[in-house]
Amino acid sequence: MSDVLIYVLFLIAGFAVGGVYSMWRGDNKLGAGVLLAVAVLAAAGGILRLI
């Protein structure tokens, strides 16, 4: 179960980074900032679960 959680966290981080890129190009800086925070938290959570 832990492996699935790690996979899901990194998957969320990847999708969020894609959303950040598209929002940044669309001049939605606030939405890009929020998604960037979600991506960083998801990636950090995945890394901490690996340790």
PDB file of N, CA and C in Angstrom:
ATOM      1  N   MET A   1       0.823  -1.200   0.000  1.00  0.00           N
ATOM      2  CA  MET A   1       0.000   0.000   0.000  1.00  0.00           C
ATOM      3  C   MET A   1       0.862   1.256   0.000  1.00  0.00           C
ATOM      4  N   SER A   2       1.989   1.192   0.678  1.00  0.00           N
ATOM      5  CA  SER A   2       2.872   2.346   0.741  1.00  0.00           C
ATOM      6  C   SER A   2       3.447   2.678  -0.637  1.00  0.00           C
ATOM      7  N   ASP A   3       3.711   1.639  -1.438  1.00  0.00           N
ATOM      8  CA  ASP A   3       4.242   1.882  -2.781  1.00  0.00           C
ATOM      9  C   ASP A   3       3.228   2.608  -3.647  1.00  0.00           C
ATOM     10  N   VAL A   4       1.968   2.269  -3.491  1.00  0.00           N
ATOM     11  CA  VAL A   4       0.915   2.920  -4.268  1.00  0.00           C
ATOM     12  C   VAL A   4       0.799   4.383  -3.856  1.00  0.00           C
ATOM     13  N   LEU A   5       0.903   4.668  -2.572  1.00  0.00           N
ATOM     14  CA  LEU A   5       0.825   6.043  -2.089  1.00  0.00           C
ATOM     15  C   LEU A   5       1.976   6.877  -2.637  1.00  0.00           C
ATOM     16  N   ILE A   6       3.172   6.323  -2.645  1.00  0.00           N
ATOM     17  CA  ILE A   6       4.330   7.038  -3.190  1.00  0.00           C
ATOM     18  C   ILE A   6       4.112   7.332  -4.676  1.00  0.00           C
ATOM     19  N   TYR A   7       3.629   6.333  -5.415  1.00  0.00           N
ATOM     20  CA  TYR A   7       3.356   6.506  -6.837  1.00  0.00           C
ATOM     21  C   TYR A   7       2.319   7.603  -7.069  1.00  0.00           C
ATOM     22  N   VAL A   8       1.255   7.591  -6.272  1.00  0.00           N
ATOM     23  CA  VAL A   8       0.188   8.586  -6.421  1.00  0.00           C
ATOM     24  C   VAL A   8       0.701   9.990  -6.096  1.00  0.00           C
ATOM     25  N   LEU A   9       1.527  10.119  -5.074  1.00  0.00           N
ATOM     26  CA  LEU A   9       2.073  11.436  -4.723  1.00  0.00           C
ATOM     27  C   LEU A   9       2.923  12.002  -5.856  1.00  0.00           C
ATOM     28  N   PHE A  10       3.780  11.169  -6.445  1.00  0.00           N
ATOM     29  CA  PHE A  10       4.592  11.653  -7.554  1.00  0.00           C
ATOM     30  C   PHE A  10       3.750  11.922  -8.799  1.00  0.00           C
ATOM     31  N   LEU A  11       2.684  11.165  -8.986  1.00  0.00           N
ATOM     32  CA  LEU A  11       1.779  11.403 -10.101  1.00  0.00           C
ATOM     33  C   LEU A  11       1.065  12.745  -9.933  1.00  0.00           C
ATOM     34  N   ILE A  12       0.619  13.028  -8.728  1.00  0.00           N
ATOM     35  CA  ILE A  12      -0.023  14.321  -8.445  1.00  0.00           C
ATOM     36  C   ILE A  12       0.957  15.463  -8.683  1.00  0.00           C
ATOM     37  N   ALA A  13       2.197  15.276  -8.230  1.00  0.00           N
ATOM     38  CA  ALA A  13       3.204  16.317  -8.428  1.00  0.00           C
ATOM     39  C   ALA A  13       3.447  16.569  -9.914  1.00  0.00           C
ATOM     40  N   GLY A  14       3.493  15.511 -10.695  1.00  0.00           N
ATOM     41  CA  GLY A  14       3.705  15.671 -12.132  1.00  0.00           C
ATOM     42  C   GLY A  14       2.566  16.400 -12.819  1.00  0.00           C
ATOM     43  N   PHE A  15       1.336  16.020 -12.500  1.00  0.00           N
ATOM     44  CA  PHE A  15       0.191  16.707 -13.091  1.00  0.00           C
ATOM     45  C   PHE A  15       0.136  18.171 -12.647  1.00  0.00           C
ATOM     46  N   ALA A  16       0.485  18.430 -11.398  1.00  0.00           N
ATOM     47  CA  ALA A  16       0.459  19.805 -10.904  1.00  0.00           C
ATOM     48  C   ALA A  16       1.504  20.660 -11.609  1.00  0.00           C
ATOM     49  N   VAL A  17       2.674  20.097 -11.885  1.00  0.00           N
ATOM     50  CA  VAL A  17       3.697  20.856 -12.604  1.00  0.00           C
ATOM     51  C   VAL A  17       3.218  21.179 -14.020  1.00  0.00           C
ATOM     52  N   GLY A  18       2.532  20.252 -14.659  1.00  0.00           N
ATOM     53  CA  GLY A  18       1.954  20.532 -15.973  1.00  0.00           C
ATOM     54  C   GLY A  18       0.916  21.641 -15.907  1.00  0.00           C
ATOM     55  N   GLY A  19       0.115  21.641 -14.855  1.00  0.00           N
ATOM     56  CA  GLY A  19      -0.866  22.708 -14.666  1.00  0.00           C
ATOM     57  C   GLY A  19      -0.215  24.051 -14.398  1.00  0.00           C
ATOM     58  N   VAL A  20       0.892  24.032 -13.655  1.00  0.00           N
ATOM     59  CA  VAL A  20       1.626  25.272 -13.389  1.00  0.00           C
ATOM     60  C   VAL A  20       2.114  25.871 -14.697  1.00  0.00           C
ATOM     61  N   TYR A  21       2.653  25.024 -15.563  1.00  0.00           N
ATOM     62  CA  TYR A  21       3.174  25.512 -16.840  1.00  0.00           C
ATOM     63  C   TYR A  21       2.063  26.136 -17.691  1.00  0.00           C
ATOM     64  N   SER A  22       0.927  25.455 -17.760  1.00  0.00           N
ATOM     65  CA  SER A  22      -0.149  25.976 -18.601  1.00  0.00           C
ATOM     66  C   SER A  22      -0.774  27.239 -17.993  1.00  0.00           C
ATOM     67  N   MET A  23      -0.883  27.295 -16.673  1.00  0.00           N
ATOM     68  CA  MET A  23      -1.436  28.496 -16.050  1.00  0.00           C
ATOM     69  C   MET A  23      -0.473  29.677 -16.157  1.00  0.00           C
ATOM     70  N   TRP A  24       0.817  29.411 -16.072  1.00  0.00           N
ATOM     71  CA  TRP A  24       1.803  30.478 -16.168  1.00  0.00           C
ATOM     72  C   TRP A  24       1.762  31.103 -17.567  1.00  0.00           C
ATOM     73  N   ARG A  25       1.604  30.254 -18.584  1.00  0.00           N
ATOM     74  CA  ARG A  25       1.520  30.759 -19.957  1.00  0.00           C
ATOM     75  C   ARG A  25       0.216  31.506 -20.184  1.00  0.00           C
ATOM     76  N   GLY A  26      -0.826  31.154 -19.469  1.00  0.00           N
ATOM     77  CA  GLY A  26      -2.119  31.812 -19.607  1.00  0.00           C
ATOM     78  C   GLY A  26      -2.271  33.025 -18.718  1.00  0.00           C
ATOM     79  N   ASP A  27      -1.203  33.485 -18.117  1.00  0.00           N
ATOM     80  CA  ASP A  27      -1.185  34.676 -17.252  1.00  0.00           C
ATOM     81  C   ASP A  27      -2.058  34.551 -16.016  1.00  0.00           C
ATOM     82  N   ASN A  28      -2.188  33.350 -15.479  1.00  0.00           N
ATOM     83  CA  ASN A  28      -2.893  33.138 -14.220  1.00  0.00           C
ATOM     84  C   ASN A  28      -1.838  32.826 -13.160  1.00  0.00           C
ATOM     85  N   LYS A  29      -1.185  33.871 -12.669  1.00  0.00           N
ATOM     86  CA  LYS A  29      -0.056  33.697 -11.764  1.00  0.00           C
ATOM     87  C   LYS A  29      -0.486  33.158 -10.391  1.00  0.00           C
ATOM     88  N   LEU A  30      -1.659  33.549  -9.919  1.00  0.00           N
ATOM     89  CA  LEU A  30      -2.123  33.070  -8.621  1.00  0.00           C
ATOM     90  C   LEU A  30      -2.403  31.574  -8.669  1.00  0.00           C
ATOM     91  N   GLY A  31      -3.102  31.138  -9.688  1.00  0.00           N
ATOM     92  CA  GLY A  31      -3.369  29.706  -9.839  1.00  0.00           C
ATOM     93  C   GLY A  31      -2.092  28.908 -10.015  1.00  0.00           C
ATOM     94  N   ALA A  32      -1.129  29.472 -10.741  1.00  0.00           N
ATOM     95  CA  ALA A  32       0.153  28.795 -10.933  1.00  0.00           C
ATOM     96  C   ALA A  32       0.892  28.673  -9.604  1.00  0.00           C
ATOM     97  N   GLY A  33       0.819  29.686  -8.778  1.00  0.00           N
ATOM     98  CA  GLY A  33       1.476  29.637  -7.473  1.00  0.00           C
ATOM     99  C   GLY A  33       0.865  28.596  -6.555  1.00  0.00           C
ATOM    100  N   VAL A  34      -0.458  28.509  -6.578  1.00  0.00           N
ATOM    101  CA  VAL A  34      -1.146  27.513  -5.748  1.00  0.00           C
ATOM    102  C   VAL A  34      -0.789  26.101  -6.209  1.00  0.00           C
ATOM    103  N   LEU A  35      -0.821  25.867  -7.517  1.00  0.00           N
ATOM    104  CA  LEU A  35      -0.475  24.545  -8.027  1.00  0.00           C
ATOM    105  C   LEU A  35       0.990  24.212  -7.796  1.00  0.00           C
ATOM    106  N   LEU A  36       1.851  25.215  -7.846  1.00  0.00           N
ATOM    107  CA  LEU A  36       3.260  24.980  -7.560  1.00  0.00           C
ATOM    108  C   LEU A  36       3.446  24.536  -6.114  1.00  0.00           C
ATOM    109  N   ALA A  37       2.704  25.149  -5.198  1.00  0.00           N
ATOM    110  CA  ALA A  37       2.777  24.732  -3.796  1.00  0.00           C
ATOM    111  C   ALA A  37       2.282  23.301  -3.624  1.00  0.00           C
ATOM    112  N   VAL A  38       1.210  22.936  -4.314  1.00  0.00           N
ATOM    113  CA  VAL A  38       0.703  21.564  -4.253  1.00  0.00           C
ATOM    114  C   VAL A  38       1.737  20.587  -4.805  1.00  0.00           C
ATOM    115  N   ALA A  39       2.384  20.960  -5.908  1.00  0.00           N
ATOM    116  CA  ALA A  39       3.391  20.087  -6.512  1.00  0.00           C
ATOM    117  C   ALA A  39       4.576  19.883  -5.582  1.00  0.00           C
ATOM    118  N   VAL A  40       5.024  20.942  -4.942  1.00  0.00           N
ATOM    119  CA  VAL A  40       6.165  20.833  -4.017  1.00  0.00           C
ATOM    120  C   VAL A  40       5.794  19.975  -2.816  1.00  0.00           C
ATOM    121  N   LEU A  41       4.607  20.170  -2.273  1.00  0.00           N
ATOM    122  CA  LEU A  41       4.182  19.368  -1.125  1.00  0.00           C
ATOM    123  C   LEU A  41       4.015  17.899  -1.489  1.00  0.00           C
ATOM    124  N   ALA A  42       3.470  17.612  -2.658  1.00  0.00           N
ATOM    125  CA  ALA A  42       3.295  16.221  -3.074  1.00  0.00           C
ATOM    126  C   ALA A  42       4.650  15.554  -3.315  1.00  0.00           C
ATOM    127  N   ALA A  43       5.565  16.266  -3.961  1.00  0.00           N
ATOM    128  CA  ALA A  43       6.895  15.700  -4.203  1.00  0.00           C
ATOM    129  C   ALA A  43       7.641  15.488  -2.882  1.00  0.00           C
ATOM    130  N   ALA A  44       7.532  16.440  -1.970  1.00  0.00           N
ATOM    131  CA  ALA A  44       8.187  16.290  -0.664  1.00  0.00           C
ATOM    132  C   ALA A  44       7.578  15.120   0.110  1.00  0.00           C
ATOM    133  N   GLY A  45       6.272  14.967   0.036  1.00  0.00           N
ATOM    134  CA  GLY A  45       5.623  13.836   0.694  1.00  0.00           C
ATOM    135  C   GLY A  45       6.074  12.510   0.118  1.00  0.00           C
ATOM    136  N   GLY A  46       6.207  12.441  -1.204  1.00  0.00           N
ATOM    137  CA  GLY A  46       6.703  11.220  -1.834  1.00  0.00           C
ATOM    138  C   GLY A  46       8.122  10.900  -1.440  1.00  0.00           C
ATOM    139  N   ILE A  47       8.955  11.916  -1.386  1.00  0.00           N
ATOM    140  CA  ILE A  47      10.355  11.704  -0.991  1.00  0.00           C
ATOM    141  C   ILE A  47      10.443  11.254   0.468  1.00  0.00           C
ATOM    142  N   LEU A  48       9.647  11.885   1.327  1.00  0.00           N
ATOM    143  CA  LEU A  48       9.673  11.498   2.745  1.00  0.00           C
ATOM    144  C   LEU A  48       9.136  10.094   2.960  1.00  0.00           C
ATOM    145  N   ARG A  49       8.187   9.654   2.134  1.00  0.00           N
ATOM    146  CA  ARG A  49       7.696   8.266   2.244  1.00  0.00           C
ATOM    147  C   ARG A  49       8.742   7.270   1.784  1.00  0.00           C
ATOM    148  N   LEU A  50       9.620   7.698   0.872  1.00  0.00           N
ATOM    149  CA  LEU A  50      10.690   6.798   0.416  1.00  0.00           C
ATOM    150  C   LEU A  50      11.750   6.584   1.488  1.00  0.00           C
ATOM    151  N   ILE A  51      11.934   7.593   2.320  1.00  0.00           N
ATOM    152  CA  ILE A  51      13.000   7.520   3.344  1.00  0.00           C
ATOM    153  C   ILE A  51      12.572   6.630   4.493  1.00  0.00           C
TER     154      ILE A  51
END
